[in-house]
Amino acid sequence: MDVDFTGRQVSVTSGLQEYTFQRLRKLEKLLPGQPKLHVVLTAEKRSRTAEITAIFRDHTLVGIMEAGDDRSAIKGALDKLERQAVRQLERKRTKKRRPKPTSNITLNVFQSSRTDHDERVPIESERLPVKPMTLEEAIASLAAAQSGLVVFRNIESERVNVVYRRPDGKLGLVEPES
């Protein structure tokens, strides 16, 4: 861990540096990689201020504390810095890694060529939204669908399903195998 000390109206003694390094052990475990720290100690009349800046990866954390003596100011600033580091790491851990709730699927209607039966040419394309819903909601939205089918992400199985109206007037459901 790279630590720089600056004293403003205060001489930064080896005792203060050693105290700061002892307090930094917990922060060193929290911050990944080799963070750079800059400790600024300031004296103004009867108060002492410690400002500690930590730079790691692409984040900058700053802890500032004003107290009656140098050690209390350093302790308070490091406590604030530790809380910020924990909060920053928790944000990274709690991000959900699920697919976006809605996406689009292209529906192509093919026309068979008269000369070659193997070749199919699309004559119409339509983009359909894929929304998370239950089977009952999909059946209810089928009446409003212009294409005669509804593509949806089933809430219970988290898989893409298709509900369509069959030529005999009944409803059909396409589900992928588990």
N, C-alpha and C. Protein backbone atom coordinates (compact mmCIF):
# COMPACT_ATOMS: atom_id res chain seq x y z
N MET A 1 0.85 -1.16 0.00
CA MET A 1 0.00 0.00 0.00
C MET A 1 0.91 1.23 0.00
N ASP A 2 0.67 2.12 -0.93
CA ASP A 2 1.48 3.34 -1.08
C ASP A 2 0.80 4.47 -0.30
N VAL A 3 1.49 4.99 0.74
CA VAL A 3 0.91 6.02 1.60
C VAL A 3 1.83 7.24 1.60
N ASP A 4 1.25 8.41 1.31
CA ASP A 4 1.96 9.69 1.36
C ASP A 4 1.39 10.49 2.53
N PHE A 5 2.27 11.16 3.26
CA PHE A 5 1.85 12.00 4.39
C PHE A 5 2.18 13.45 4.09
N THR A 6 1.24 14.34 4.46
CA THR A 6 1.46 15.77 4.35
C THR A 6 1.00 16.40 5.66
N GLY A 7 1.84 17.28 6.21
CA GLY A 7 1.49 17.97 7.45
C GLY A 7 1.36 19.46 7.20
N ARG A 8 0.26 20.03 7.59
CA ARG A 8 0.03 21.47 7.48
C ARG A 8 -0.04 22.02 8.89
N GLN A 9 0.95 22.80 9.28
CA GLN A 9 1.10 23.34 10.62
C GLN A 9 1.29 22.23 11.66
N VAL A 10 1.62 21.03 11.19
CA VAL A 10 1.85 19.87 12.06
C VAL A 10 3.04 19.11 11.53
N SER A 11 3.91 18.65 12.41
CA SER A 11 4.99 17.77 11.97
C SER A 11 4.48 16.33 12.08
N VAL A 12 4.59 15.59 11.00
CA VAL A 12 4.11 14.21 10.96
C VAL A 12 5.24 13.35 11.52
N THR A 13 5.09 12.89 12.74
CA THR A 13 6.11 12.11 13.40
C THR A 13 6.02 10.64 12.99
N SER A 14 7.07 9.90 13.30
CA SER A 14 7.06 8.47 12.98
C SER A 14 6.00 7.74 13.82
N GLY A 15 5.69 8.25 15.02
CA GLY A 15 4.64 7.65 15.84
C GLY A 15 3.27 7.78 15.18
N LEU A 16 2.98 8.94 14.60
CA LEU A 16 1.70 9.11 13.88
C LEU A 16 1.65 8.23 12.63
N GLN A 17 2.77 8.11 11.95
CA GLN A 17 2.81 7.26 10.75
C GLN A 17 2.58 5.81 11.14
N GLU A 18 3.22 5.35 12.19
CA GLU A 18 3.05 3.97 12.65
C GLU A 18 1.60 3.72 13.09
N TYR A 19 1.00 4.66 13.81
CA TYR A 19 -0.40 4.54 14.22
C TYR A 19 -1.30 4.44 12.99
N THR A 20 -1.03 5.25 11.98
CA THR A 20 -1.84 5.22 10.76
C THR A 20 -1.70 3.88 10.04
N PHE A 21 -0.47 3.33 9.97
CA PHE A 21 -0.26 2.04 9.31
C PHE A 21 -0.98 0.92 10.07
N GLN A 22 -1.01 0.98 11.39
CA GLN A 22 -1.72 -0.03 12.17
C GLN A 22 -3.22 0.03 11.89
N ARG A 23 -3.77 1.22 11.80
CA ARG A 23 -5.19 1.39 11.54
C ARG A 23 -5.55 1.04 10.10
N LEU A 24 -4.57 1.11 9.19
CA LEU A 24 -4.84 0.83 7.77
C LEU A 24 -4.94 -0.66 7.46
N ARG A 25 -4.59 -1.53 8.39
CA ARG A 25 -4.61 -2.98 8.11
C ARG A 25 -6.00 -3.47 7.72
N LYS A 26 -7.02 -3.00 8.42
CA LYS A 26 -8.39 -3.41 8.10
C LYS A 26 -8.80 -2.88 6.73
N LEU A 27 -8.44 -1.64 6.45
CA LEU A 27 -8.78 -1.04 5.16
C LEU A 27 -8.04 -1.75 4.02
N GLU A 28 -6.82 -2.21 4.30
CA GLU A 28 -6.02 -2.90 3.28
C GLU A 28 -6.69 -4.20 2.85
N LYS A 29 -7.38 -4.86 3.79
CA LYS A 29 -8.09 -6.10 3.46
C LYS A 29 -9.33 -5.82 2.60
N LEU A 30 -9.94 -4.66 2.80
CA LEU A 30 -11.17 -4.33 2.07
C LEU A 30 -10.90 -3.89 0.64
N LEU A 31 -9.85 -3.09 0.44
CA LEU A 31 -9.60 -2.50 -0.88
C LEU A 31 -8.79 -3.48 -1.74
N PRO A 32 -9.24 -3.77 -2.95
CA PRO A 32 -8.52 -4.69 -3.82
C PRO A 32 -7.30 -4.03 -4.46
N GLY A 33 -6.33 -4.85 -4.81
CA GLY A 33 -5.15 -4.34 -5.53
C GLY A 33 -4.23 -3.54 -4.62
N GLN A 34 -3.53 -2.60 -5.20
CA GLN A 34 -2.60 -1.73 -4.49
C GLN A 34 -3.16 -0.31 -4.44
N PRO A 35 -3.97 0.01 -3.44
CA PRO A 35 -4.52 1.36 -3.37
C PRO A 35 -3.46 2.38 -2.98
N LYS A 36 -3.65 3.60 -3.44
CA LYS A 36 -2.76 4.70 -3.08
C LYS A 36 -3.51 5.56 -2.08
N LEU A 37 -2.83 5.91 -0.99
CA LEU A 37 -3.44 6.73 0.05
C LEU A 37 -2.64 8.00 0.24
N HIS A 38 -3.36 9.07 0.51
CA HIS A 38 -2.74 10.35 0.81
C HIS A 38 -3.36 10.86 2.10
N VAL A 39 -2.51 11.04 3.12
CA VAL A 39 -2.96 11.47 4.44
C VAL A 39 -2.51 12.91 4.64
N VAL A 40 -3.47 13.81 4.90
CA VAL A 40 -3.16 15.22 5.15
C VAL A 40 -3.60 15.55 6.57
N LEU A 41 -2.63 15.96 7.41
CA LEU A 41 -2.93 16.35 8.78
C LEU A 41 -2.81 17.86 8.89
N THR A 42 -3.82 18.51 9.46
CA THR A 42 -3.86 19.97 9.56
C THR A 42 -4.15 20.36 11.00
N ALA A 43 -3.44 21.42 11.48
CA ALA A 43 -3.68 21.95 12.82
C ALA A 43 -4.19 23.38 12.70
N GLU A 44 -5.29 23.66 13.39
CA GLU A 44 -5.86 25.00 13.44
C GLU A 44 -6.29 25.26 14.88
N LYS A 45 -5.66 26.18 15.51
CA LYS A 45 -5.92 26.53 16.91
C LYS A 45 -5.98 25.27 17.77
N ARG A 46 -7.17 24.90 18.26
CA ARG A 46 -7.28 23.75 19.16
C ARG A 46 -7.79 22.49 18.45
N SER A 47 -8.04 22.55 17.18
CA SER A 47 -8.58 21.37 16.49
C SER A 47 -7.55 20.80 15.52
N ARG A 48 -7.68 19.51 15.30
CA ARG A 48 -6.83 18.79 14.36
C ARG A 48 -7.74 18.14 13.33
N THR A 49 -7.34 18.22 12.07
CA THR A 49 -8.13 17.65 10.98
C THR A 49 -7.28 16.63 10.24
N ALA A 50 -7.89 15.48 9.96
CA ALA A 50 -7.24 14.44 9.15
C ALA A 50 -8.09 14.22 7.91
N GLU A 51 -7.45 14.30 6.76
CA GLU A 51 -8.12 14.05 5.48
C GLU A 51 -7.36 12.93 4.81
N ILE A 52 -8.04 11.81 4.57
CA ILE A 52 -7.41 10.63 3.97
C ILE A 52 -8.12 10.33 2.66
N THR A 53 -7.34 10.28 1.59
CA THR A 53 -7.87 10.00 0.26
C THR A 53 -7.32 8.65 -0.20
N ALA A 54 -8.20 7.75 -0.60
CA ALA A 54 -7.81 6.43 -1.10
C ALA A 54 -8.22 6.33 -2.57
N ILE A 55 -7.27 5.94 -3.41
CA ILE A 55 -7.53 5.76 -4.84
C ILE A 55 -7.25 4.30 -5.17
N PHE A 56 -8.28 3.59 -5.64
CA PHE A 56 -8.10 2.21 -6.08
C PHE A 56 -8.94 1.98 -7.31
N ARG A 57 -8.37 1.26 -8.25
CA ARG A 57 -8.98 1.03 -9.56
C ARG A 57 -9.50 2.35 -10.12
N ASP A 58 -10.78 2.50 -10.30
CA ASP A 58 -11.31 3.75 -10.84
C ASP A 58 -12.17 4.49 -9.81
N HIS A 59 -11.93 4.23 -8.53
CA HIS A 59 -12.71 4.84 -7.47
C HIS A 59 -11.82 5.71 -6.58
N THR A 60 -12.39 6.77 -6.05
CA THR A 60 -11.71 7.64 -5.10
C THR A 60 -12.60 7.79 -3.89
N LEU A 61 -12.05 7.45 -2.72
CA LEU A 61 -12.78 7.58 -1.47
C LEU A 61 -12.07 8.61 -0.60
N VAL A 62 -12.84 9.45 0.09
CA VAL A 62 -12.26 10.49 0.93
C VAL A 62 -12.93 10.45 2.29
N GLY A 63 -12.09 10.44 3.35
CA GLY A 63 -12.59 10.50 4.71
C GLY A 63 -11.98 11.71 5.42
N ILE A 64 -12.81 12.57 5.98
CA ILE A 64 -12.35 13.78 6.67
C ILE A 64 -12.93 13.76 8.08
N MET A 65 -12.06 14.03 9.06
CA MET A 65 -12.52 14.07 10.44
C MET A 65 -11.79 15.17 11.19
N GLU A 66 -12.54 15.90 12.00
CA GLU A 66 -11.96 16.95 12.83
C GLU A 66 -12.14 16.55 14.28
N ALA A 67 -11.04 16.61 15.06
CA ALA A 67 -11.08 16.21 16.47
C ALA A 67 -10.10 17.06 17.27
N GLY A 68 -9.99 16.76 18.55
CA GLY A 68 -9.12 17.52 19.43
C GLY A 68 -7.66 17.14 19.32
N ASP A 69 -7.38 15.86 18.95
CA ASP A 69 -5.99 15.44 18.79
C ASP A 69 -5.82 14.67 17.49
N ASP A 70 -4.55 14.47 17.09
CA ASP A 70 -4.24 13.86 15.79
C ASP A 70 -4.73 12.42 15.68
N ARG A 71 -4.52 11.63 16.72
CA ARG A 71 -4.90 10.21 16.66
C ARG A 71 -6.42 10.03 16.54
N SER A 72 -7.19 10.81 17.22
CA SER A 72 -8.66 10.72 17.11
C SER A 72 -9.12 11.13 15.72
N ALA A 73 -8.48 12.15 15.16
CA ALA A 73 -8.84 12.59 13.81
C ALA A 73 -8.52 11.51 12.79
N ILE A 74 -7.34 10.88 12.93
CA ILE A 74 -6.96 9.80 12.00
C ILE A 74 -7.91 8.62 12.14
N LYS A 75 -8.24 8.25 13.38
CA LYS A 75 -9.15 7.13 13.61
C LYS A 75 -10.52 7.40 12.99
N GLY A 76 -11.06 8.60 13.20
CA GLY A 76 -12.37 8.93 12.64
C GLY A 76 -12.37 8.95 11.13
N ALA A 77 -11.32 9.51 10.53
CA ALA A 77 -11.24 9.56 9.06
C ALA A 77 -11.13 8.16 8.47
N LEU A 78 -10.36 7.28 9.11
CA LEU A 78 -10.23 5.91 8.62
C LEU A 78 -11.54 5.13 8.79
N ASP A 79 -12.26 5.39 9.87
CA ASP A 79 -13.57 4.73 10.04
C ASP A 79 -14.53 5.14 8.92
N LYS A 80 -14.55 6.41 8.58
CA LYS A 80 -15.39 6.87 7.47
C LYS A 80 -14.97 6.24 6.16
N LEU A 81 -13.67 6.13 5.95
CA LEU A 81 -13.15 5.52 4.73
C LEU A 81 -13.53 4.05 4.63
N GLU A 82 -13.47 3.34 5.76
CA GLU A 82 -13.85 1.92 5.78
C GLU A 82 -15.33 1.75 5.44
N ARG A 83 -16.19 2.61 5.99
CA ARG A 83 -17.62 2.53 5.68
C ARG A 83 -17.87 2.77 4.19
N GLN A 84 -17.16 3.73 3.61
CA GLN A 84 -17.32 4.00 2.18
C GLN A 84 -16.84 2.81 1.34
N ALA A 85 -15.73 2.18 1.76
CA ALA A 85 -15.21 1.04 1.01
C ALA A 85 -16.18 -0.13 1.07
N VAL A 86 -16.74 -0.39 2.24
CA VAL A 86 -17.71 -1.49 2.37
C VAL A 86 -18.93 -1.22 1.50
N ARG A 87 -19.42 0.02 1.53
CA ARG A 87 -20.59 0.39 0.71
C ARG A 87 -20.29 0.22 -0.77
N GLN A 88 -19.09 0.60 -1.20
CA GLN A 88 -18.70 0.49 -2.60
C GLN A 88 -18.62 -0.97 -3.03
N LEU A 89 -18.05 -1.82 -2.19
CA LEU A 89 -17.94 -3.24 -2.52
C LEU A 89 -19.30 -3.92 -2.49
N GLU A 90 -20.19 -3.51 -1.61
CA GLU A 90 -21.53 -4.09 -1.56
C GLU A 90 -22.33 -3.76 -2.81
N ARG A 91 -22.14 -2.57 -3.35
CA ARG A 91 -22.82 -2.22 -4.60
C ARG A 91 -22.43 -3.17 -5.71
N LYS A 92 -21.16 -3.49 -5.75
CA LYS A 92 -20.67 -4.39 -6.80
C LYS A 92 -21.25 -5.79 -6.62
N ARG A 93 -21.38 -6.25 -5.38
CA ARG A 93 -21.87 -7.61 -5.12
C ARG A 93 -23.37 -7.75 -5.33
N THR A 94 -24.13 -6.69 -5.11
CA THR A 94 -25.58 -6.81 -5.15
C THR A 94 -26.19 -6.56 -6.52
N LYS A 95 -25.38 -6.26 -7.50
CA LYS A 95 -25.95 -6.08 -8.84
C LYS A 95 -26.51 -7.40 -9.33
N LYS A 96 -27.72 -7.36 -9.84
CA LYS A 96 -28.36 -8.58 -10.33
C LYS A 96 -27.82 -8.90 -11.71
N ARG A 97 -27.59 -10.16 -11.91
CA ARG A 97 -27.04 -10.60 -13.20
C ARG A 97 -28.09 -11.41 -13.94
N ARG A 98 -29.17 -10.77 -14.23
CA ARG A 98 -30.25 -11.42 -14.97
C ARG A 98 -30.40 -10.71 -16.30
N PRO A 99 -31.01 -11.39 -17.26
CA PRO A 99 -31.24 -10.71 -18.53
C PRO A 99 -32.23 -9.58 -18.36
N LYS A 100 -32.18 -8.66 -19.28
CA LYS A 100 -33.11 -7.53 -19.24
C LYS A 100 -34.53 -8.07 -19.36
N PRO A 101 -35.50 -7.45 -18.69
CA PRO A 101 -36.85 -8.00 -18.65
C PRO A 101 -37.55 -8.02 -20.00
N THR A 102 -37.24 -7.08 -20.86
CA THR A 102 -37.89 -7.10 -22.17
C THR A 102 -36.84 -7.09 -23.25
N SER A 103 -37.09 -7.83 -24.29
CA SER A 103 -36.24 -7.83 -25.47
C SER A 103 -37.14 -8.08 -26.67
N ASN A 104 -36.57 -8.12 -27.84
CA ASN A 104 -37.36 -8.30 -29.05
C ASN A 104 -36.95 -9.57 -29.77
N ILE A 105 -37.91 -10.19 -30.44
CA ILE A 105 -37.67 -11.35 -31.29
C ILE A 105 -38.23 -11.01 -32.66
N THR A 106 -37.49 -11.37 -33.70
CA THR A 106 -37.95 -11.11 -35.06
C THR A 106 -38.77 -12.30 -35.55
N LEU A 107 -39.96 -12.01 -36.04
CA LEU A 107 -40.84 -13.02 -36.60
C LEU A 107 -40.79 -12.89 -38.11
N ASN A 108 -40.33 -13.95 -38.79
CA ASN A 108 -40.24 -13.95 -40.25
C ASN A 108 -41.31 -14.86 -40.84
N VAL A 109 -41.99 -14.40 -41.86
CA VAL A 109 -42.95 -15.20 -42.60
C VAL A 109 -42.30 -15.52 -43.94
N PHE A 110 -42.17 -16.82 -44.26
CA PHE A 110 -41.45 -17.23 -45.46
C PHE A 110 -42.44 -17.65 -46.54
N GLN A 111 -42.01 -17.43 -47.78
CA GLN A 111 -42.79 -17.87 -48.93
C GLN A 111 -41.92 -18.87 -49.69
N SER A 112 -42.49 -19.96 -50.03
CA SER A 112 -41.73 -20.99 -50.73
C SER A 112 -41.56 -20.59 -52.19
N SER A 113 -40.37 -20.78 -52.71
CA SER A 113 -40.08 -20.46 -54.11
C SER A 113 -40.67 -21.56 -54.99
N ARG A 114 -41.18 -21.21 -56.18
CA ARG A 114 -41.81 -22.20 -57.06
C ARG A 114 -40.78 -23.06 -57.79
N THR A 115 -39.58 -22.51 -58.02
CA THR A 115 -38.58 -23.27 -58.77
C THR A 115 -37.81 -24.23 -57.87
N ASP A 116 -37.49 -23.80 -56.66
CA ASP A 116 -36.70 -24.64 -55.76
C ASP A 116 -37.43 -24.72 -54.43
N HIS A 117 -37.84 -25.94 -54.05
CA HIS A 117 -38.61 -26.10 -52.83
C HIS A 117 -37.77 -25.94 -51.57
N ASP A 118 -36.44 -26.04 -51.69
CA ASP A 118 -35.58 -25.93 -50.51
C ASP A 118 -35.32 -24.48 -50.11
N GLU A 119 -35.46 -23.57 -51.06
CA GLU A 119 -35.15 -22.16 -50.78
C GLU A 119 -36.39 -21.45 -50.25
N ARG A 120 -36.23 -20.74 -49.17
CA ARG A 120 -37.32 -19.97 -48.57
C ARG A 120 -36.89 -18.51 -48.52
N VAL A 121 -37.78 -17.62 -48.90
CA VAL A 121 -37.49 -16.19 -48.95
C VAL A 121 -38.44 -15.48 -47.98
N PRO A 122 -37.93 -14.67 -47.06
CA PRO A 122 -38.84 -13.97 -46.14
C PRO A 122 -39.61 -12.88 -46.88
N ILE A 123 -40.92 -12.86 -46.68
CA ILE A 123 -41.73 -11.82 -47.31
C ILE A 123 -42.19 -10.76 -46.30
N GLU A 124 -42.10 -11.08 -45.02
CA GLU A 124 -42.54 -10.13 -44.01
C GLU A 124 -41.75 -10.38 -42.73
N SER A 125 -41.32 -9.31 -42.09
CA SER A 125 -40.63 -9.40 -40.80
C SER A 125 -41.29 -8.46 -39.81
N GLU A 126 -41.38 -8.90 -38.59
CA GLU A 126 -42.00 -8.10 -37.55
C GLU A 126 -41.23 -8.34 -36.25
N ARG A 127 -40.97 -7.27 -35.50
CA ARG A 127 -40.28 -7.40 -34.22
C ARG A 127 -41.33 -7.44 -33.11
N LEU A 128 -41.26 -8.50 -32.32
CA LEU A 128 -42.22 -8.69 -31.23
C LEU A 128 -41.52 -8.50 -29.89
N PRO A 129 -42.13 -7.78 -28.96
CA PRO A 129 -41.52 -7.62 -27.64
C PRO A 129 -41.66 -8.89 -26.81
N VAL A 130 -40.65 -9.19 -26.02
CA VAL A 130 -40.68 -10.32 -25.11
C VAL A 130 -40.79 -9.74 -23.70
N LYS A 131 -41.98 -9.87 -23.11
CA LYS A 131 -42.22 -9.31 -21.79
C LYS A 131 -42.40 -10.43 -20.78
N PRO A 132 -41.98 -10.22 -19.54
CA PRO A 132 -42.23 -11.24 -18.52
C PRO A 132 -43.70 -11.19 -18.10
N MET A 133 -44.38 -12.35 -18.17
CA MET A 133 -45.79 -12.43 -17.77
C MET A 133 -46.16 -13.87 -17.51
N THR A 134 -47.32 -14.06 -16.91
CA THR A 134 -47.83 -15.41 -16.66
C THR A 134 -48.55 -15.90 -17.92
N LEU A 135 -48.89 -17.17 -17.91
CA LEU A 135 -49.60 -17.76 -19.05
C LEU A 135 -50.97 -17.12 -19.22
N GLU A 136 -51.65 -16.83 -18.11
CA GLU A 136 -52.98 -16.22 -18.18
C GLU A 136 -52.90 -14.81 -18.79
N GLU A 137 -51.87 -14.05 -18.41
CA GLU A 137 -51.71 -12.70 -18.97
C GLU A 137 -51.40 -12.77 -20.46
N ALA A 138 -50.63 -13.78 -20.87
CA ALA A 138 -50.30 -13.93 -22.29
C ALA A 138 -51.55 -14.27 -23.10
N ILE A 139 -52.39 -15.13 -22.55
CA ILE A 139 -53.64 -15.49 -23.25
C ILE A 139 -54.54 -14.26 -23.36
N ALA A 140 -54.58 -13.44 -22.30
CA ALA A 140 -55.41 -12.24 -22.34
C ALA A 140 -54.87 -11.23 -23.36
N SER A 141 -53.57 -11.15 -23.53
CA SER A 141 -53.00 -10.20 -24.49
C SER A 141 -53.01 -10.74 -25.92
N LEU A 142 -53.33 -12.02 -26.09
CA LEU A 142 -53.39 -12.61 -27.43
C LEU A 142 -54.51 -11.98 -28.25
N ALA A 143 -55.59 -11.56 -27.63
CA ALA A 143 -56.70 -10.95 -28.35
C ALA A 143 -56.29 -9.63 -28.99
N ALA A 144 -55.36 -8.91 -28.34
CA ALA A 144 -54.92 -7.62 -28.88
C ALA A 144 -53.75 -7.77 -29.85
N ALA A 145 -53.15 -8.94 -29.93
CA ALA A 145 -51.99 -9.15 -30.80
C ALA A 145 -52.42 -9.22 -32.26
N GLN A 146 -51.76 -8.47 -33.10
CA GLN A 146 -52.10 -8.45 -34.53
C GLN A 146 -51.56 -9.67 -35.25
N SER A 147 -50.45 -10.22 -34.79
CA SER A 147 -49.82 -11.33 -35.51
C SER A 147 -50.45 -12.67 -35.19
N GLY A 148 -51.31 -12.74 -34.18
CA GLY A 148 -51.95 -14.01 -33.84
C GLY A 148 -51.13 -14.84 -32.88
N LEU A 149 -50.03 -14.28 -32.38
CA LEU A 149 -49.23 -14.99 -31.39
C LEU A 149 -48.61 -14.00 -30.42
N VAL A 150 -48.26 -14.50 -29.23
CA VAL A 150 -47.62 -13.69 -28.19
C VAL A 150 -46.38 -14.43 -27.74
N VAL A 151 -45.24 -13.75 -27.82
CA VAL A 151 -43.99 -14.29 -27.32
C VAL A 151 -43.75 -13.63 -25.97
N PHE A 152 -43.51 -14.45 -24.93
CA PHE A 152 -43.36 -13.89 -23.59
C PHE A 152 -42.37 -14.72 -22.79
N ARG A 153 -41.84 -14.11 -21.71
CA ARG A 153 -40.96 -14.83 -20.79
C ARG A 153 -41.83 -15.26 -19.62
N ASN A 154 -41.97 -16.58 -19.46
CA ASN A 154 -42.81 -17.14 -18.42
C ASN A 154 -42.18 -16.83 -17.05
N ILE A 155 -42.97 -16.24 -16.16
CA ILE A 155 -42.46 -15.83 -14.85
C ILE A 155 -42.08 -17.04 -14.00
N GLU A 156 -42.84 -18.13 -14.09
CA GLU A 156 -42.57 -19.31 -13.26
C GLU A 156 -41.30 -20.03 -13.71
N SER A 157 -41.11 -20.20 -15.02
CA SER A 157 -39.97 -20.98 -15.51
C SER A 157 -38.81 -20.14 -16.01
N GLU A 158 -39.00 -18.82 -16.15
CA GLU A 158 -37.97 -17.91 -16.66
C GLU A 158 -37.51 -18.28 -18.07
N ARG A 159 -38.39 -18.92 -18.85
CA ARG A 159 -38.07 -19.31 -20.22
C ARG A 159 -39.00 -18.60 -21.20
N VAL A 160 -38.55 -18.50 -22.43
CA VAL A 160 -39.36 -17.85 -23.46
C VAL A 160 -40.40 -18.86 -23.96
N ASN A 161 -41.66 -18.45 -23.97
CA ASN A 161 -42.77 -19.27 -24.45
C ASN A 161 -43.52 -18.52 -25.52
N VAL A 162 -44.31 -19.27 -26.31
CA VAL A 162 -45.13 -18.68 -27.37
C VAL A 162 -46.55 -19.21 -27.23
N VAL A 163 -47.53 -18.31 -27.21
CA VAL A 163 -48.94 -18.68 -27.24
C VAL A 163 -49.48 -18.22 -28.59
N TYR A 164 -50.20 -19.12 -29.30
CA TYR A 164 -50.71 -18.78 -30.62
C TYR A 164 -52.09 -19.38 -30.81
N ARG A 165 -52.82 -18.82 -31.77
CA ARG A 165 -54.15 -19.33 -32.10
C ARG A 165 -54.00 -20.29 -33.28
N ARG A 166 -54.48 -21.50 -33.09
CA ARG A 166 -54.38 -22.53 -34.13
C ARG A 166 -55.47 -22.33 -35.17
N PRO A 167 -55.31 -22.93 -36.36
CA PRO A 167 -56.33 -22.77 -37.41
C PRO A 167 -57.72 -23.27 -37.00
N ASP A 168 -57.79 -24.24 -36.06
CA ASP A 168 -59.10 -24.73 -35.64
C ASP A 168 -59.74 -23.84 -34.57
N GLY A 169 -59.06 -22.73 -34.19
CA GLY A 169 -59.61 -21.77 -33.23
C GLY A 169 -59.16 -21.99 -31.80
N LYS A 170 -58.49 -23.10 -31.52
CA LYS A 170 -58.00 -23.38 -30.17
C LYS A 170 -56.65 -22.67 -29.98
N LEU A 171 -56.18 -22.64 -28.74
CA LEU A 171 -54.90 -21.99 -28.46
C LEU A 171 -53.80 -23.03 -28.36
N GLY A 172 -52.60 -22.65 -28.79
CA GLY A 172 -51.43 -23.50 -28.71
C GLY A 172 -50.36 -22.83 -27.87
N LEU A 173 -49.54 -23.63 -27.19
CA LEU A 173 -48.46 -23.14 -26.36
C LEU A 173 -47.18 -23.84 -26.77
N VAL A 174 -46.13 -23.07 -27.03
CA VAL A 174 -44.82 -23.64 -27.35
C VAL A 174 -43.92 -23.35 -26.14
N GLU A 175 -43.40 -24.43 -25.52
CA GLU A 175 -42.53 -24.32 -24.36
C GLU A 175 -41.23 -25.07 -24.66
N PRO A 176 -40.07 -24.52 -24.27
CA PRO A 176 -38.84 -25.28 -24.45
C PRO A 176 -38.74 -26.41 -23.42
N GLU A 177 -37.99 -27.46 -23.75
CA GLU A 177 -37.82 -28.57 -22.82
C GLU A 177 -36.92 -28.15 -21.67
N SER A 178 -37.13 -28.76 -20.53
CA SER A 178 -36.32 -28.44 -19.36
C SER A 178 -34.99 -29.15 -19.41
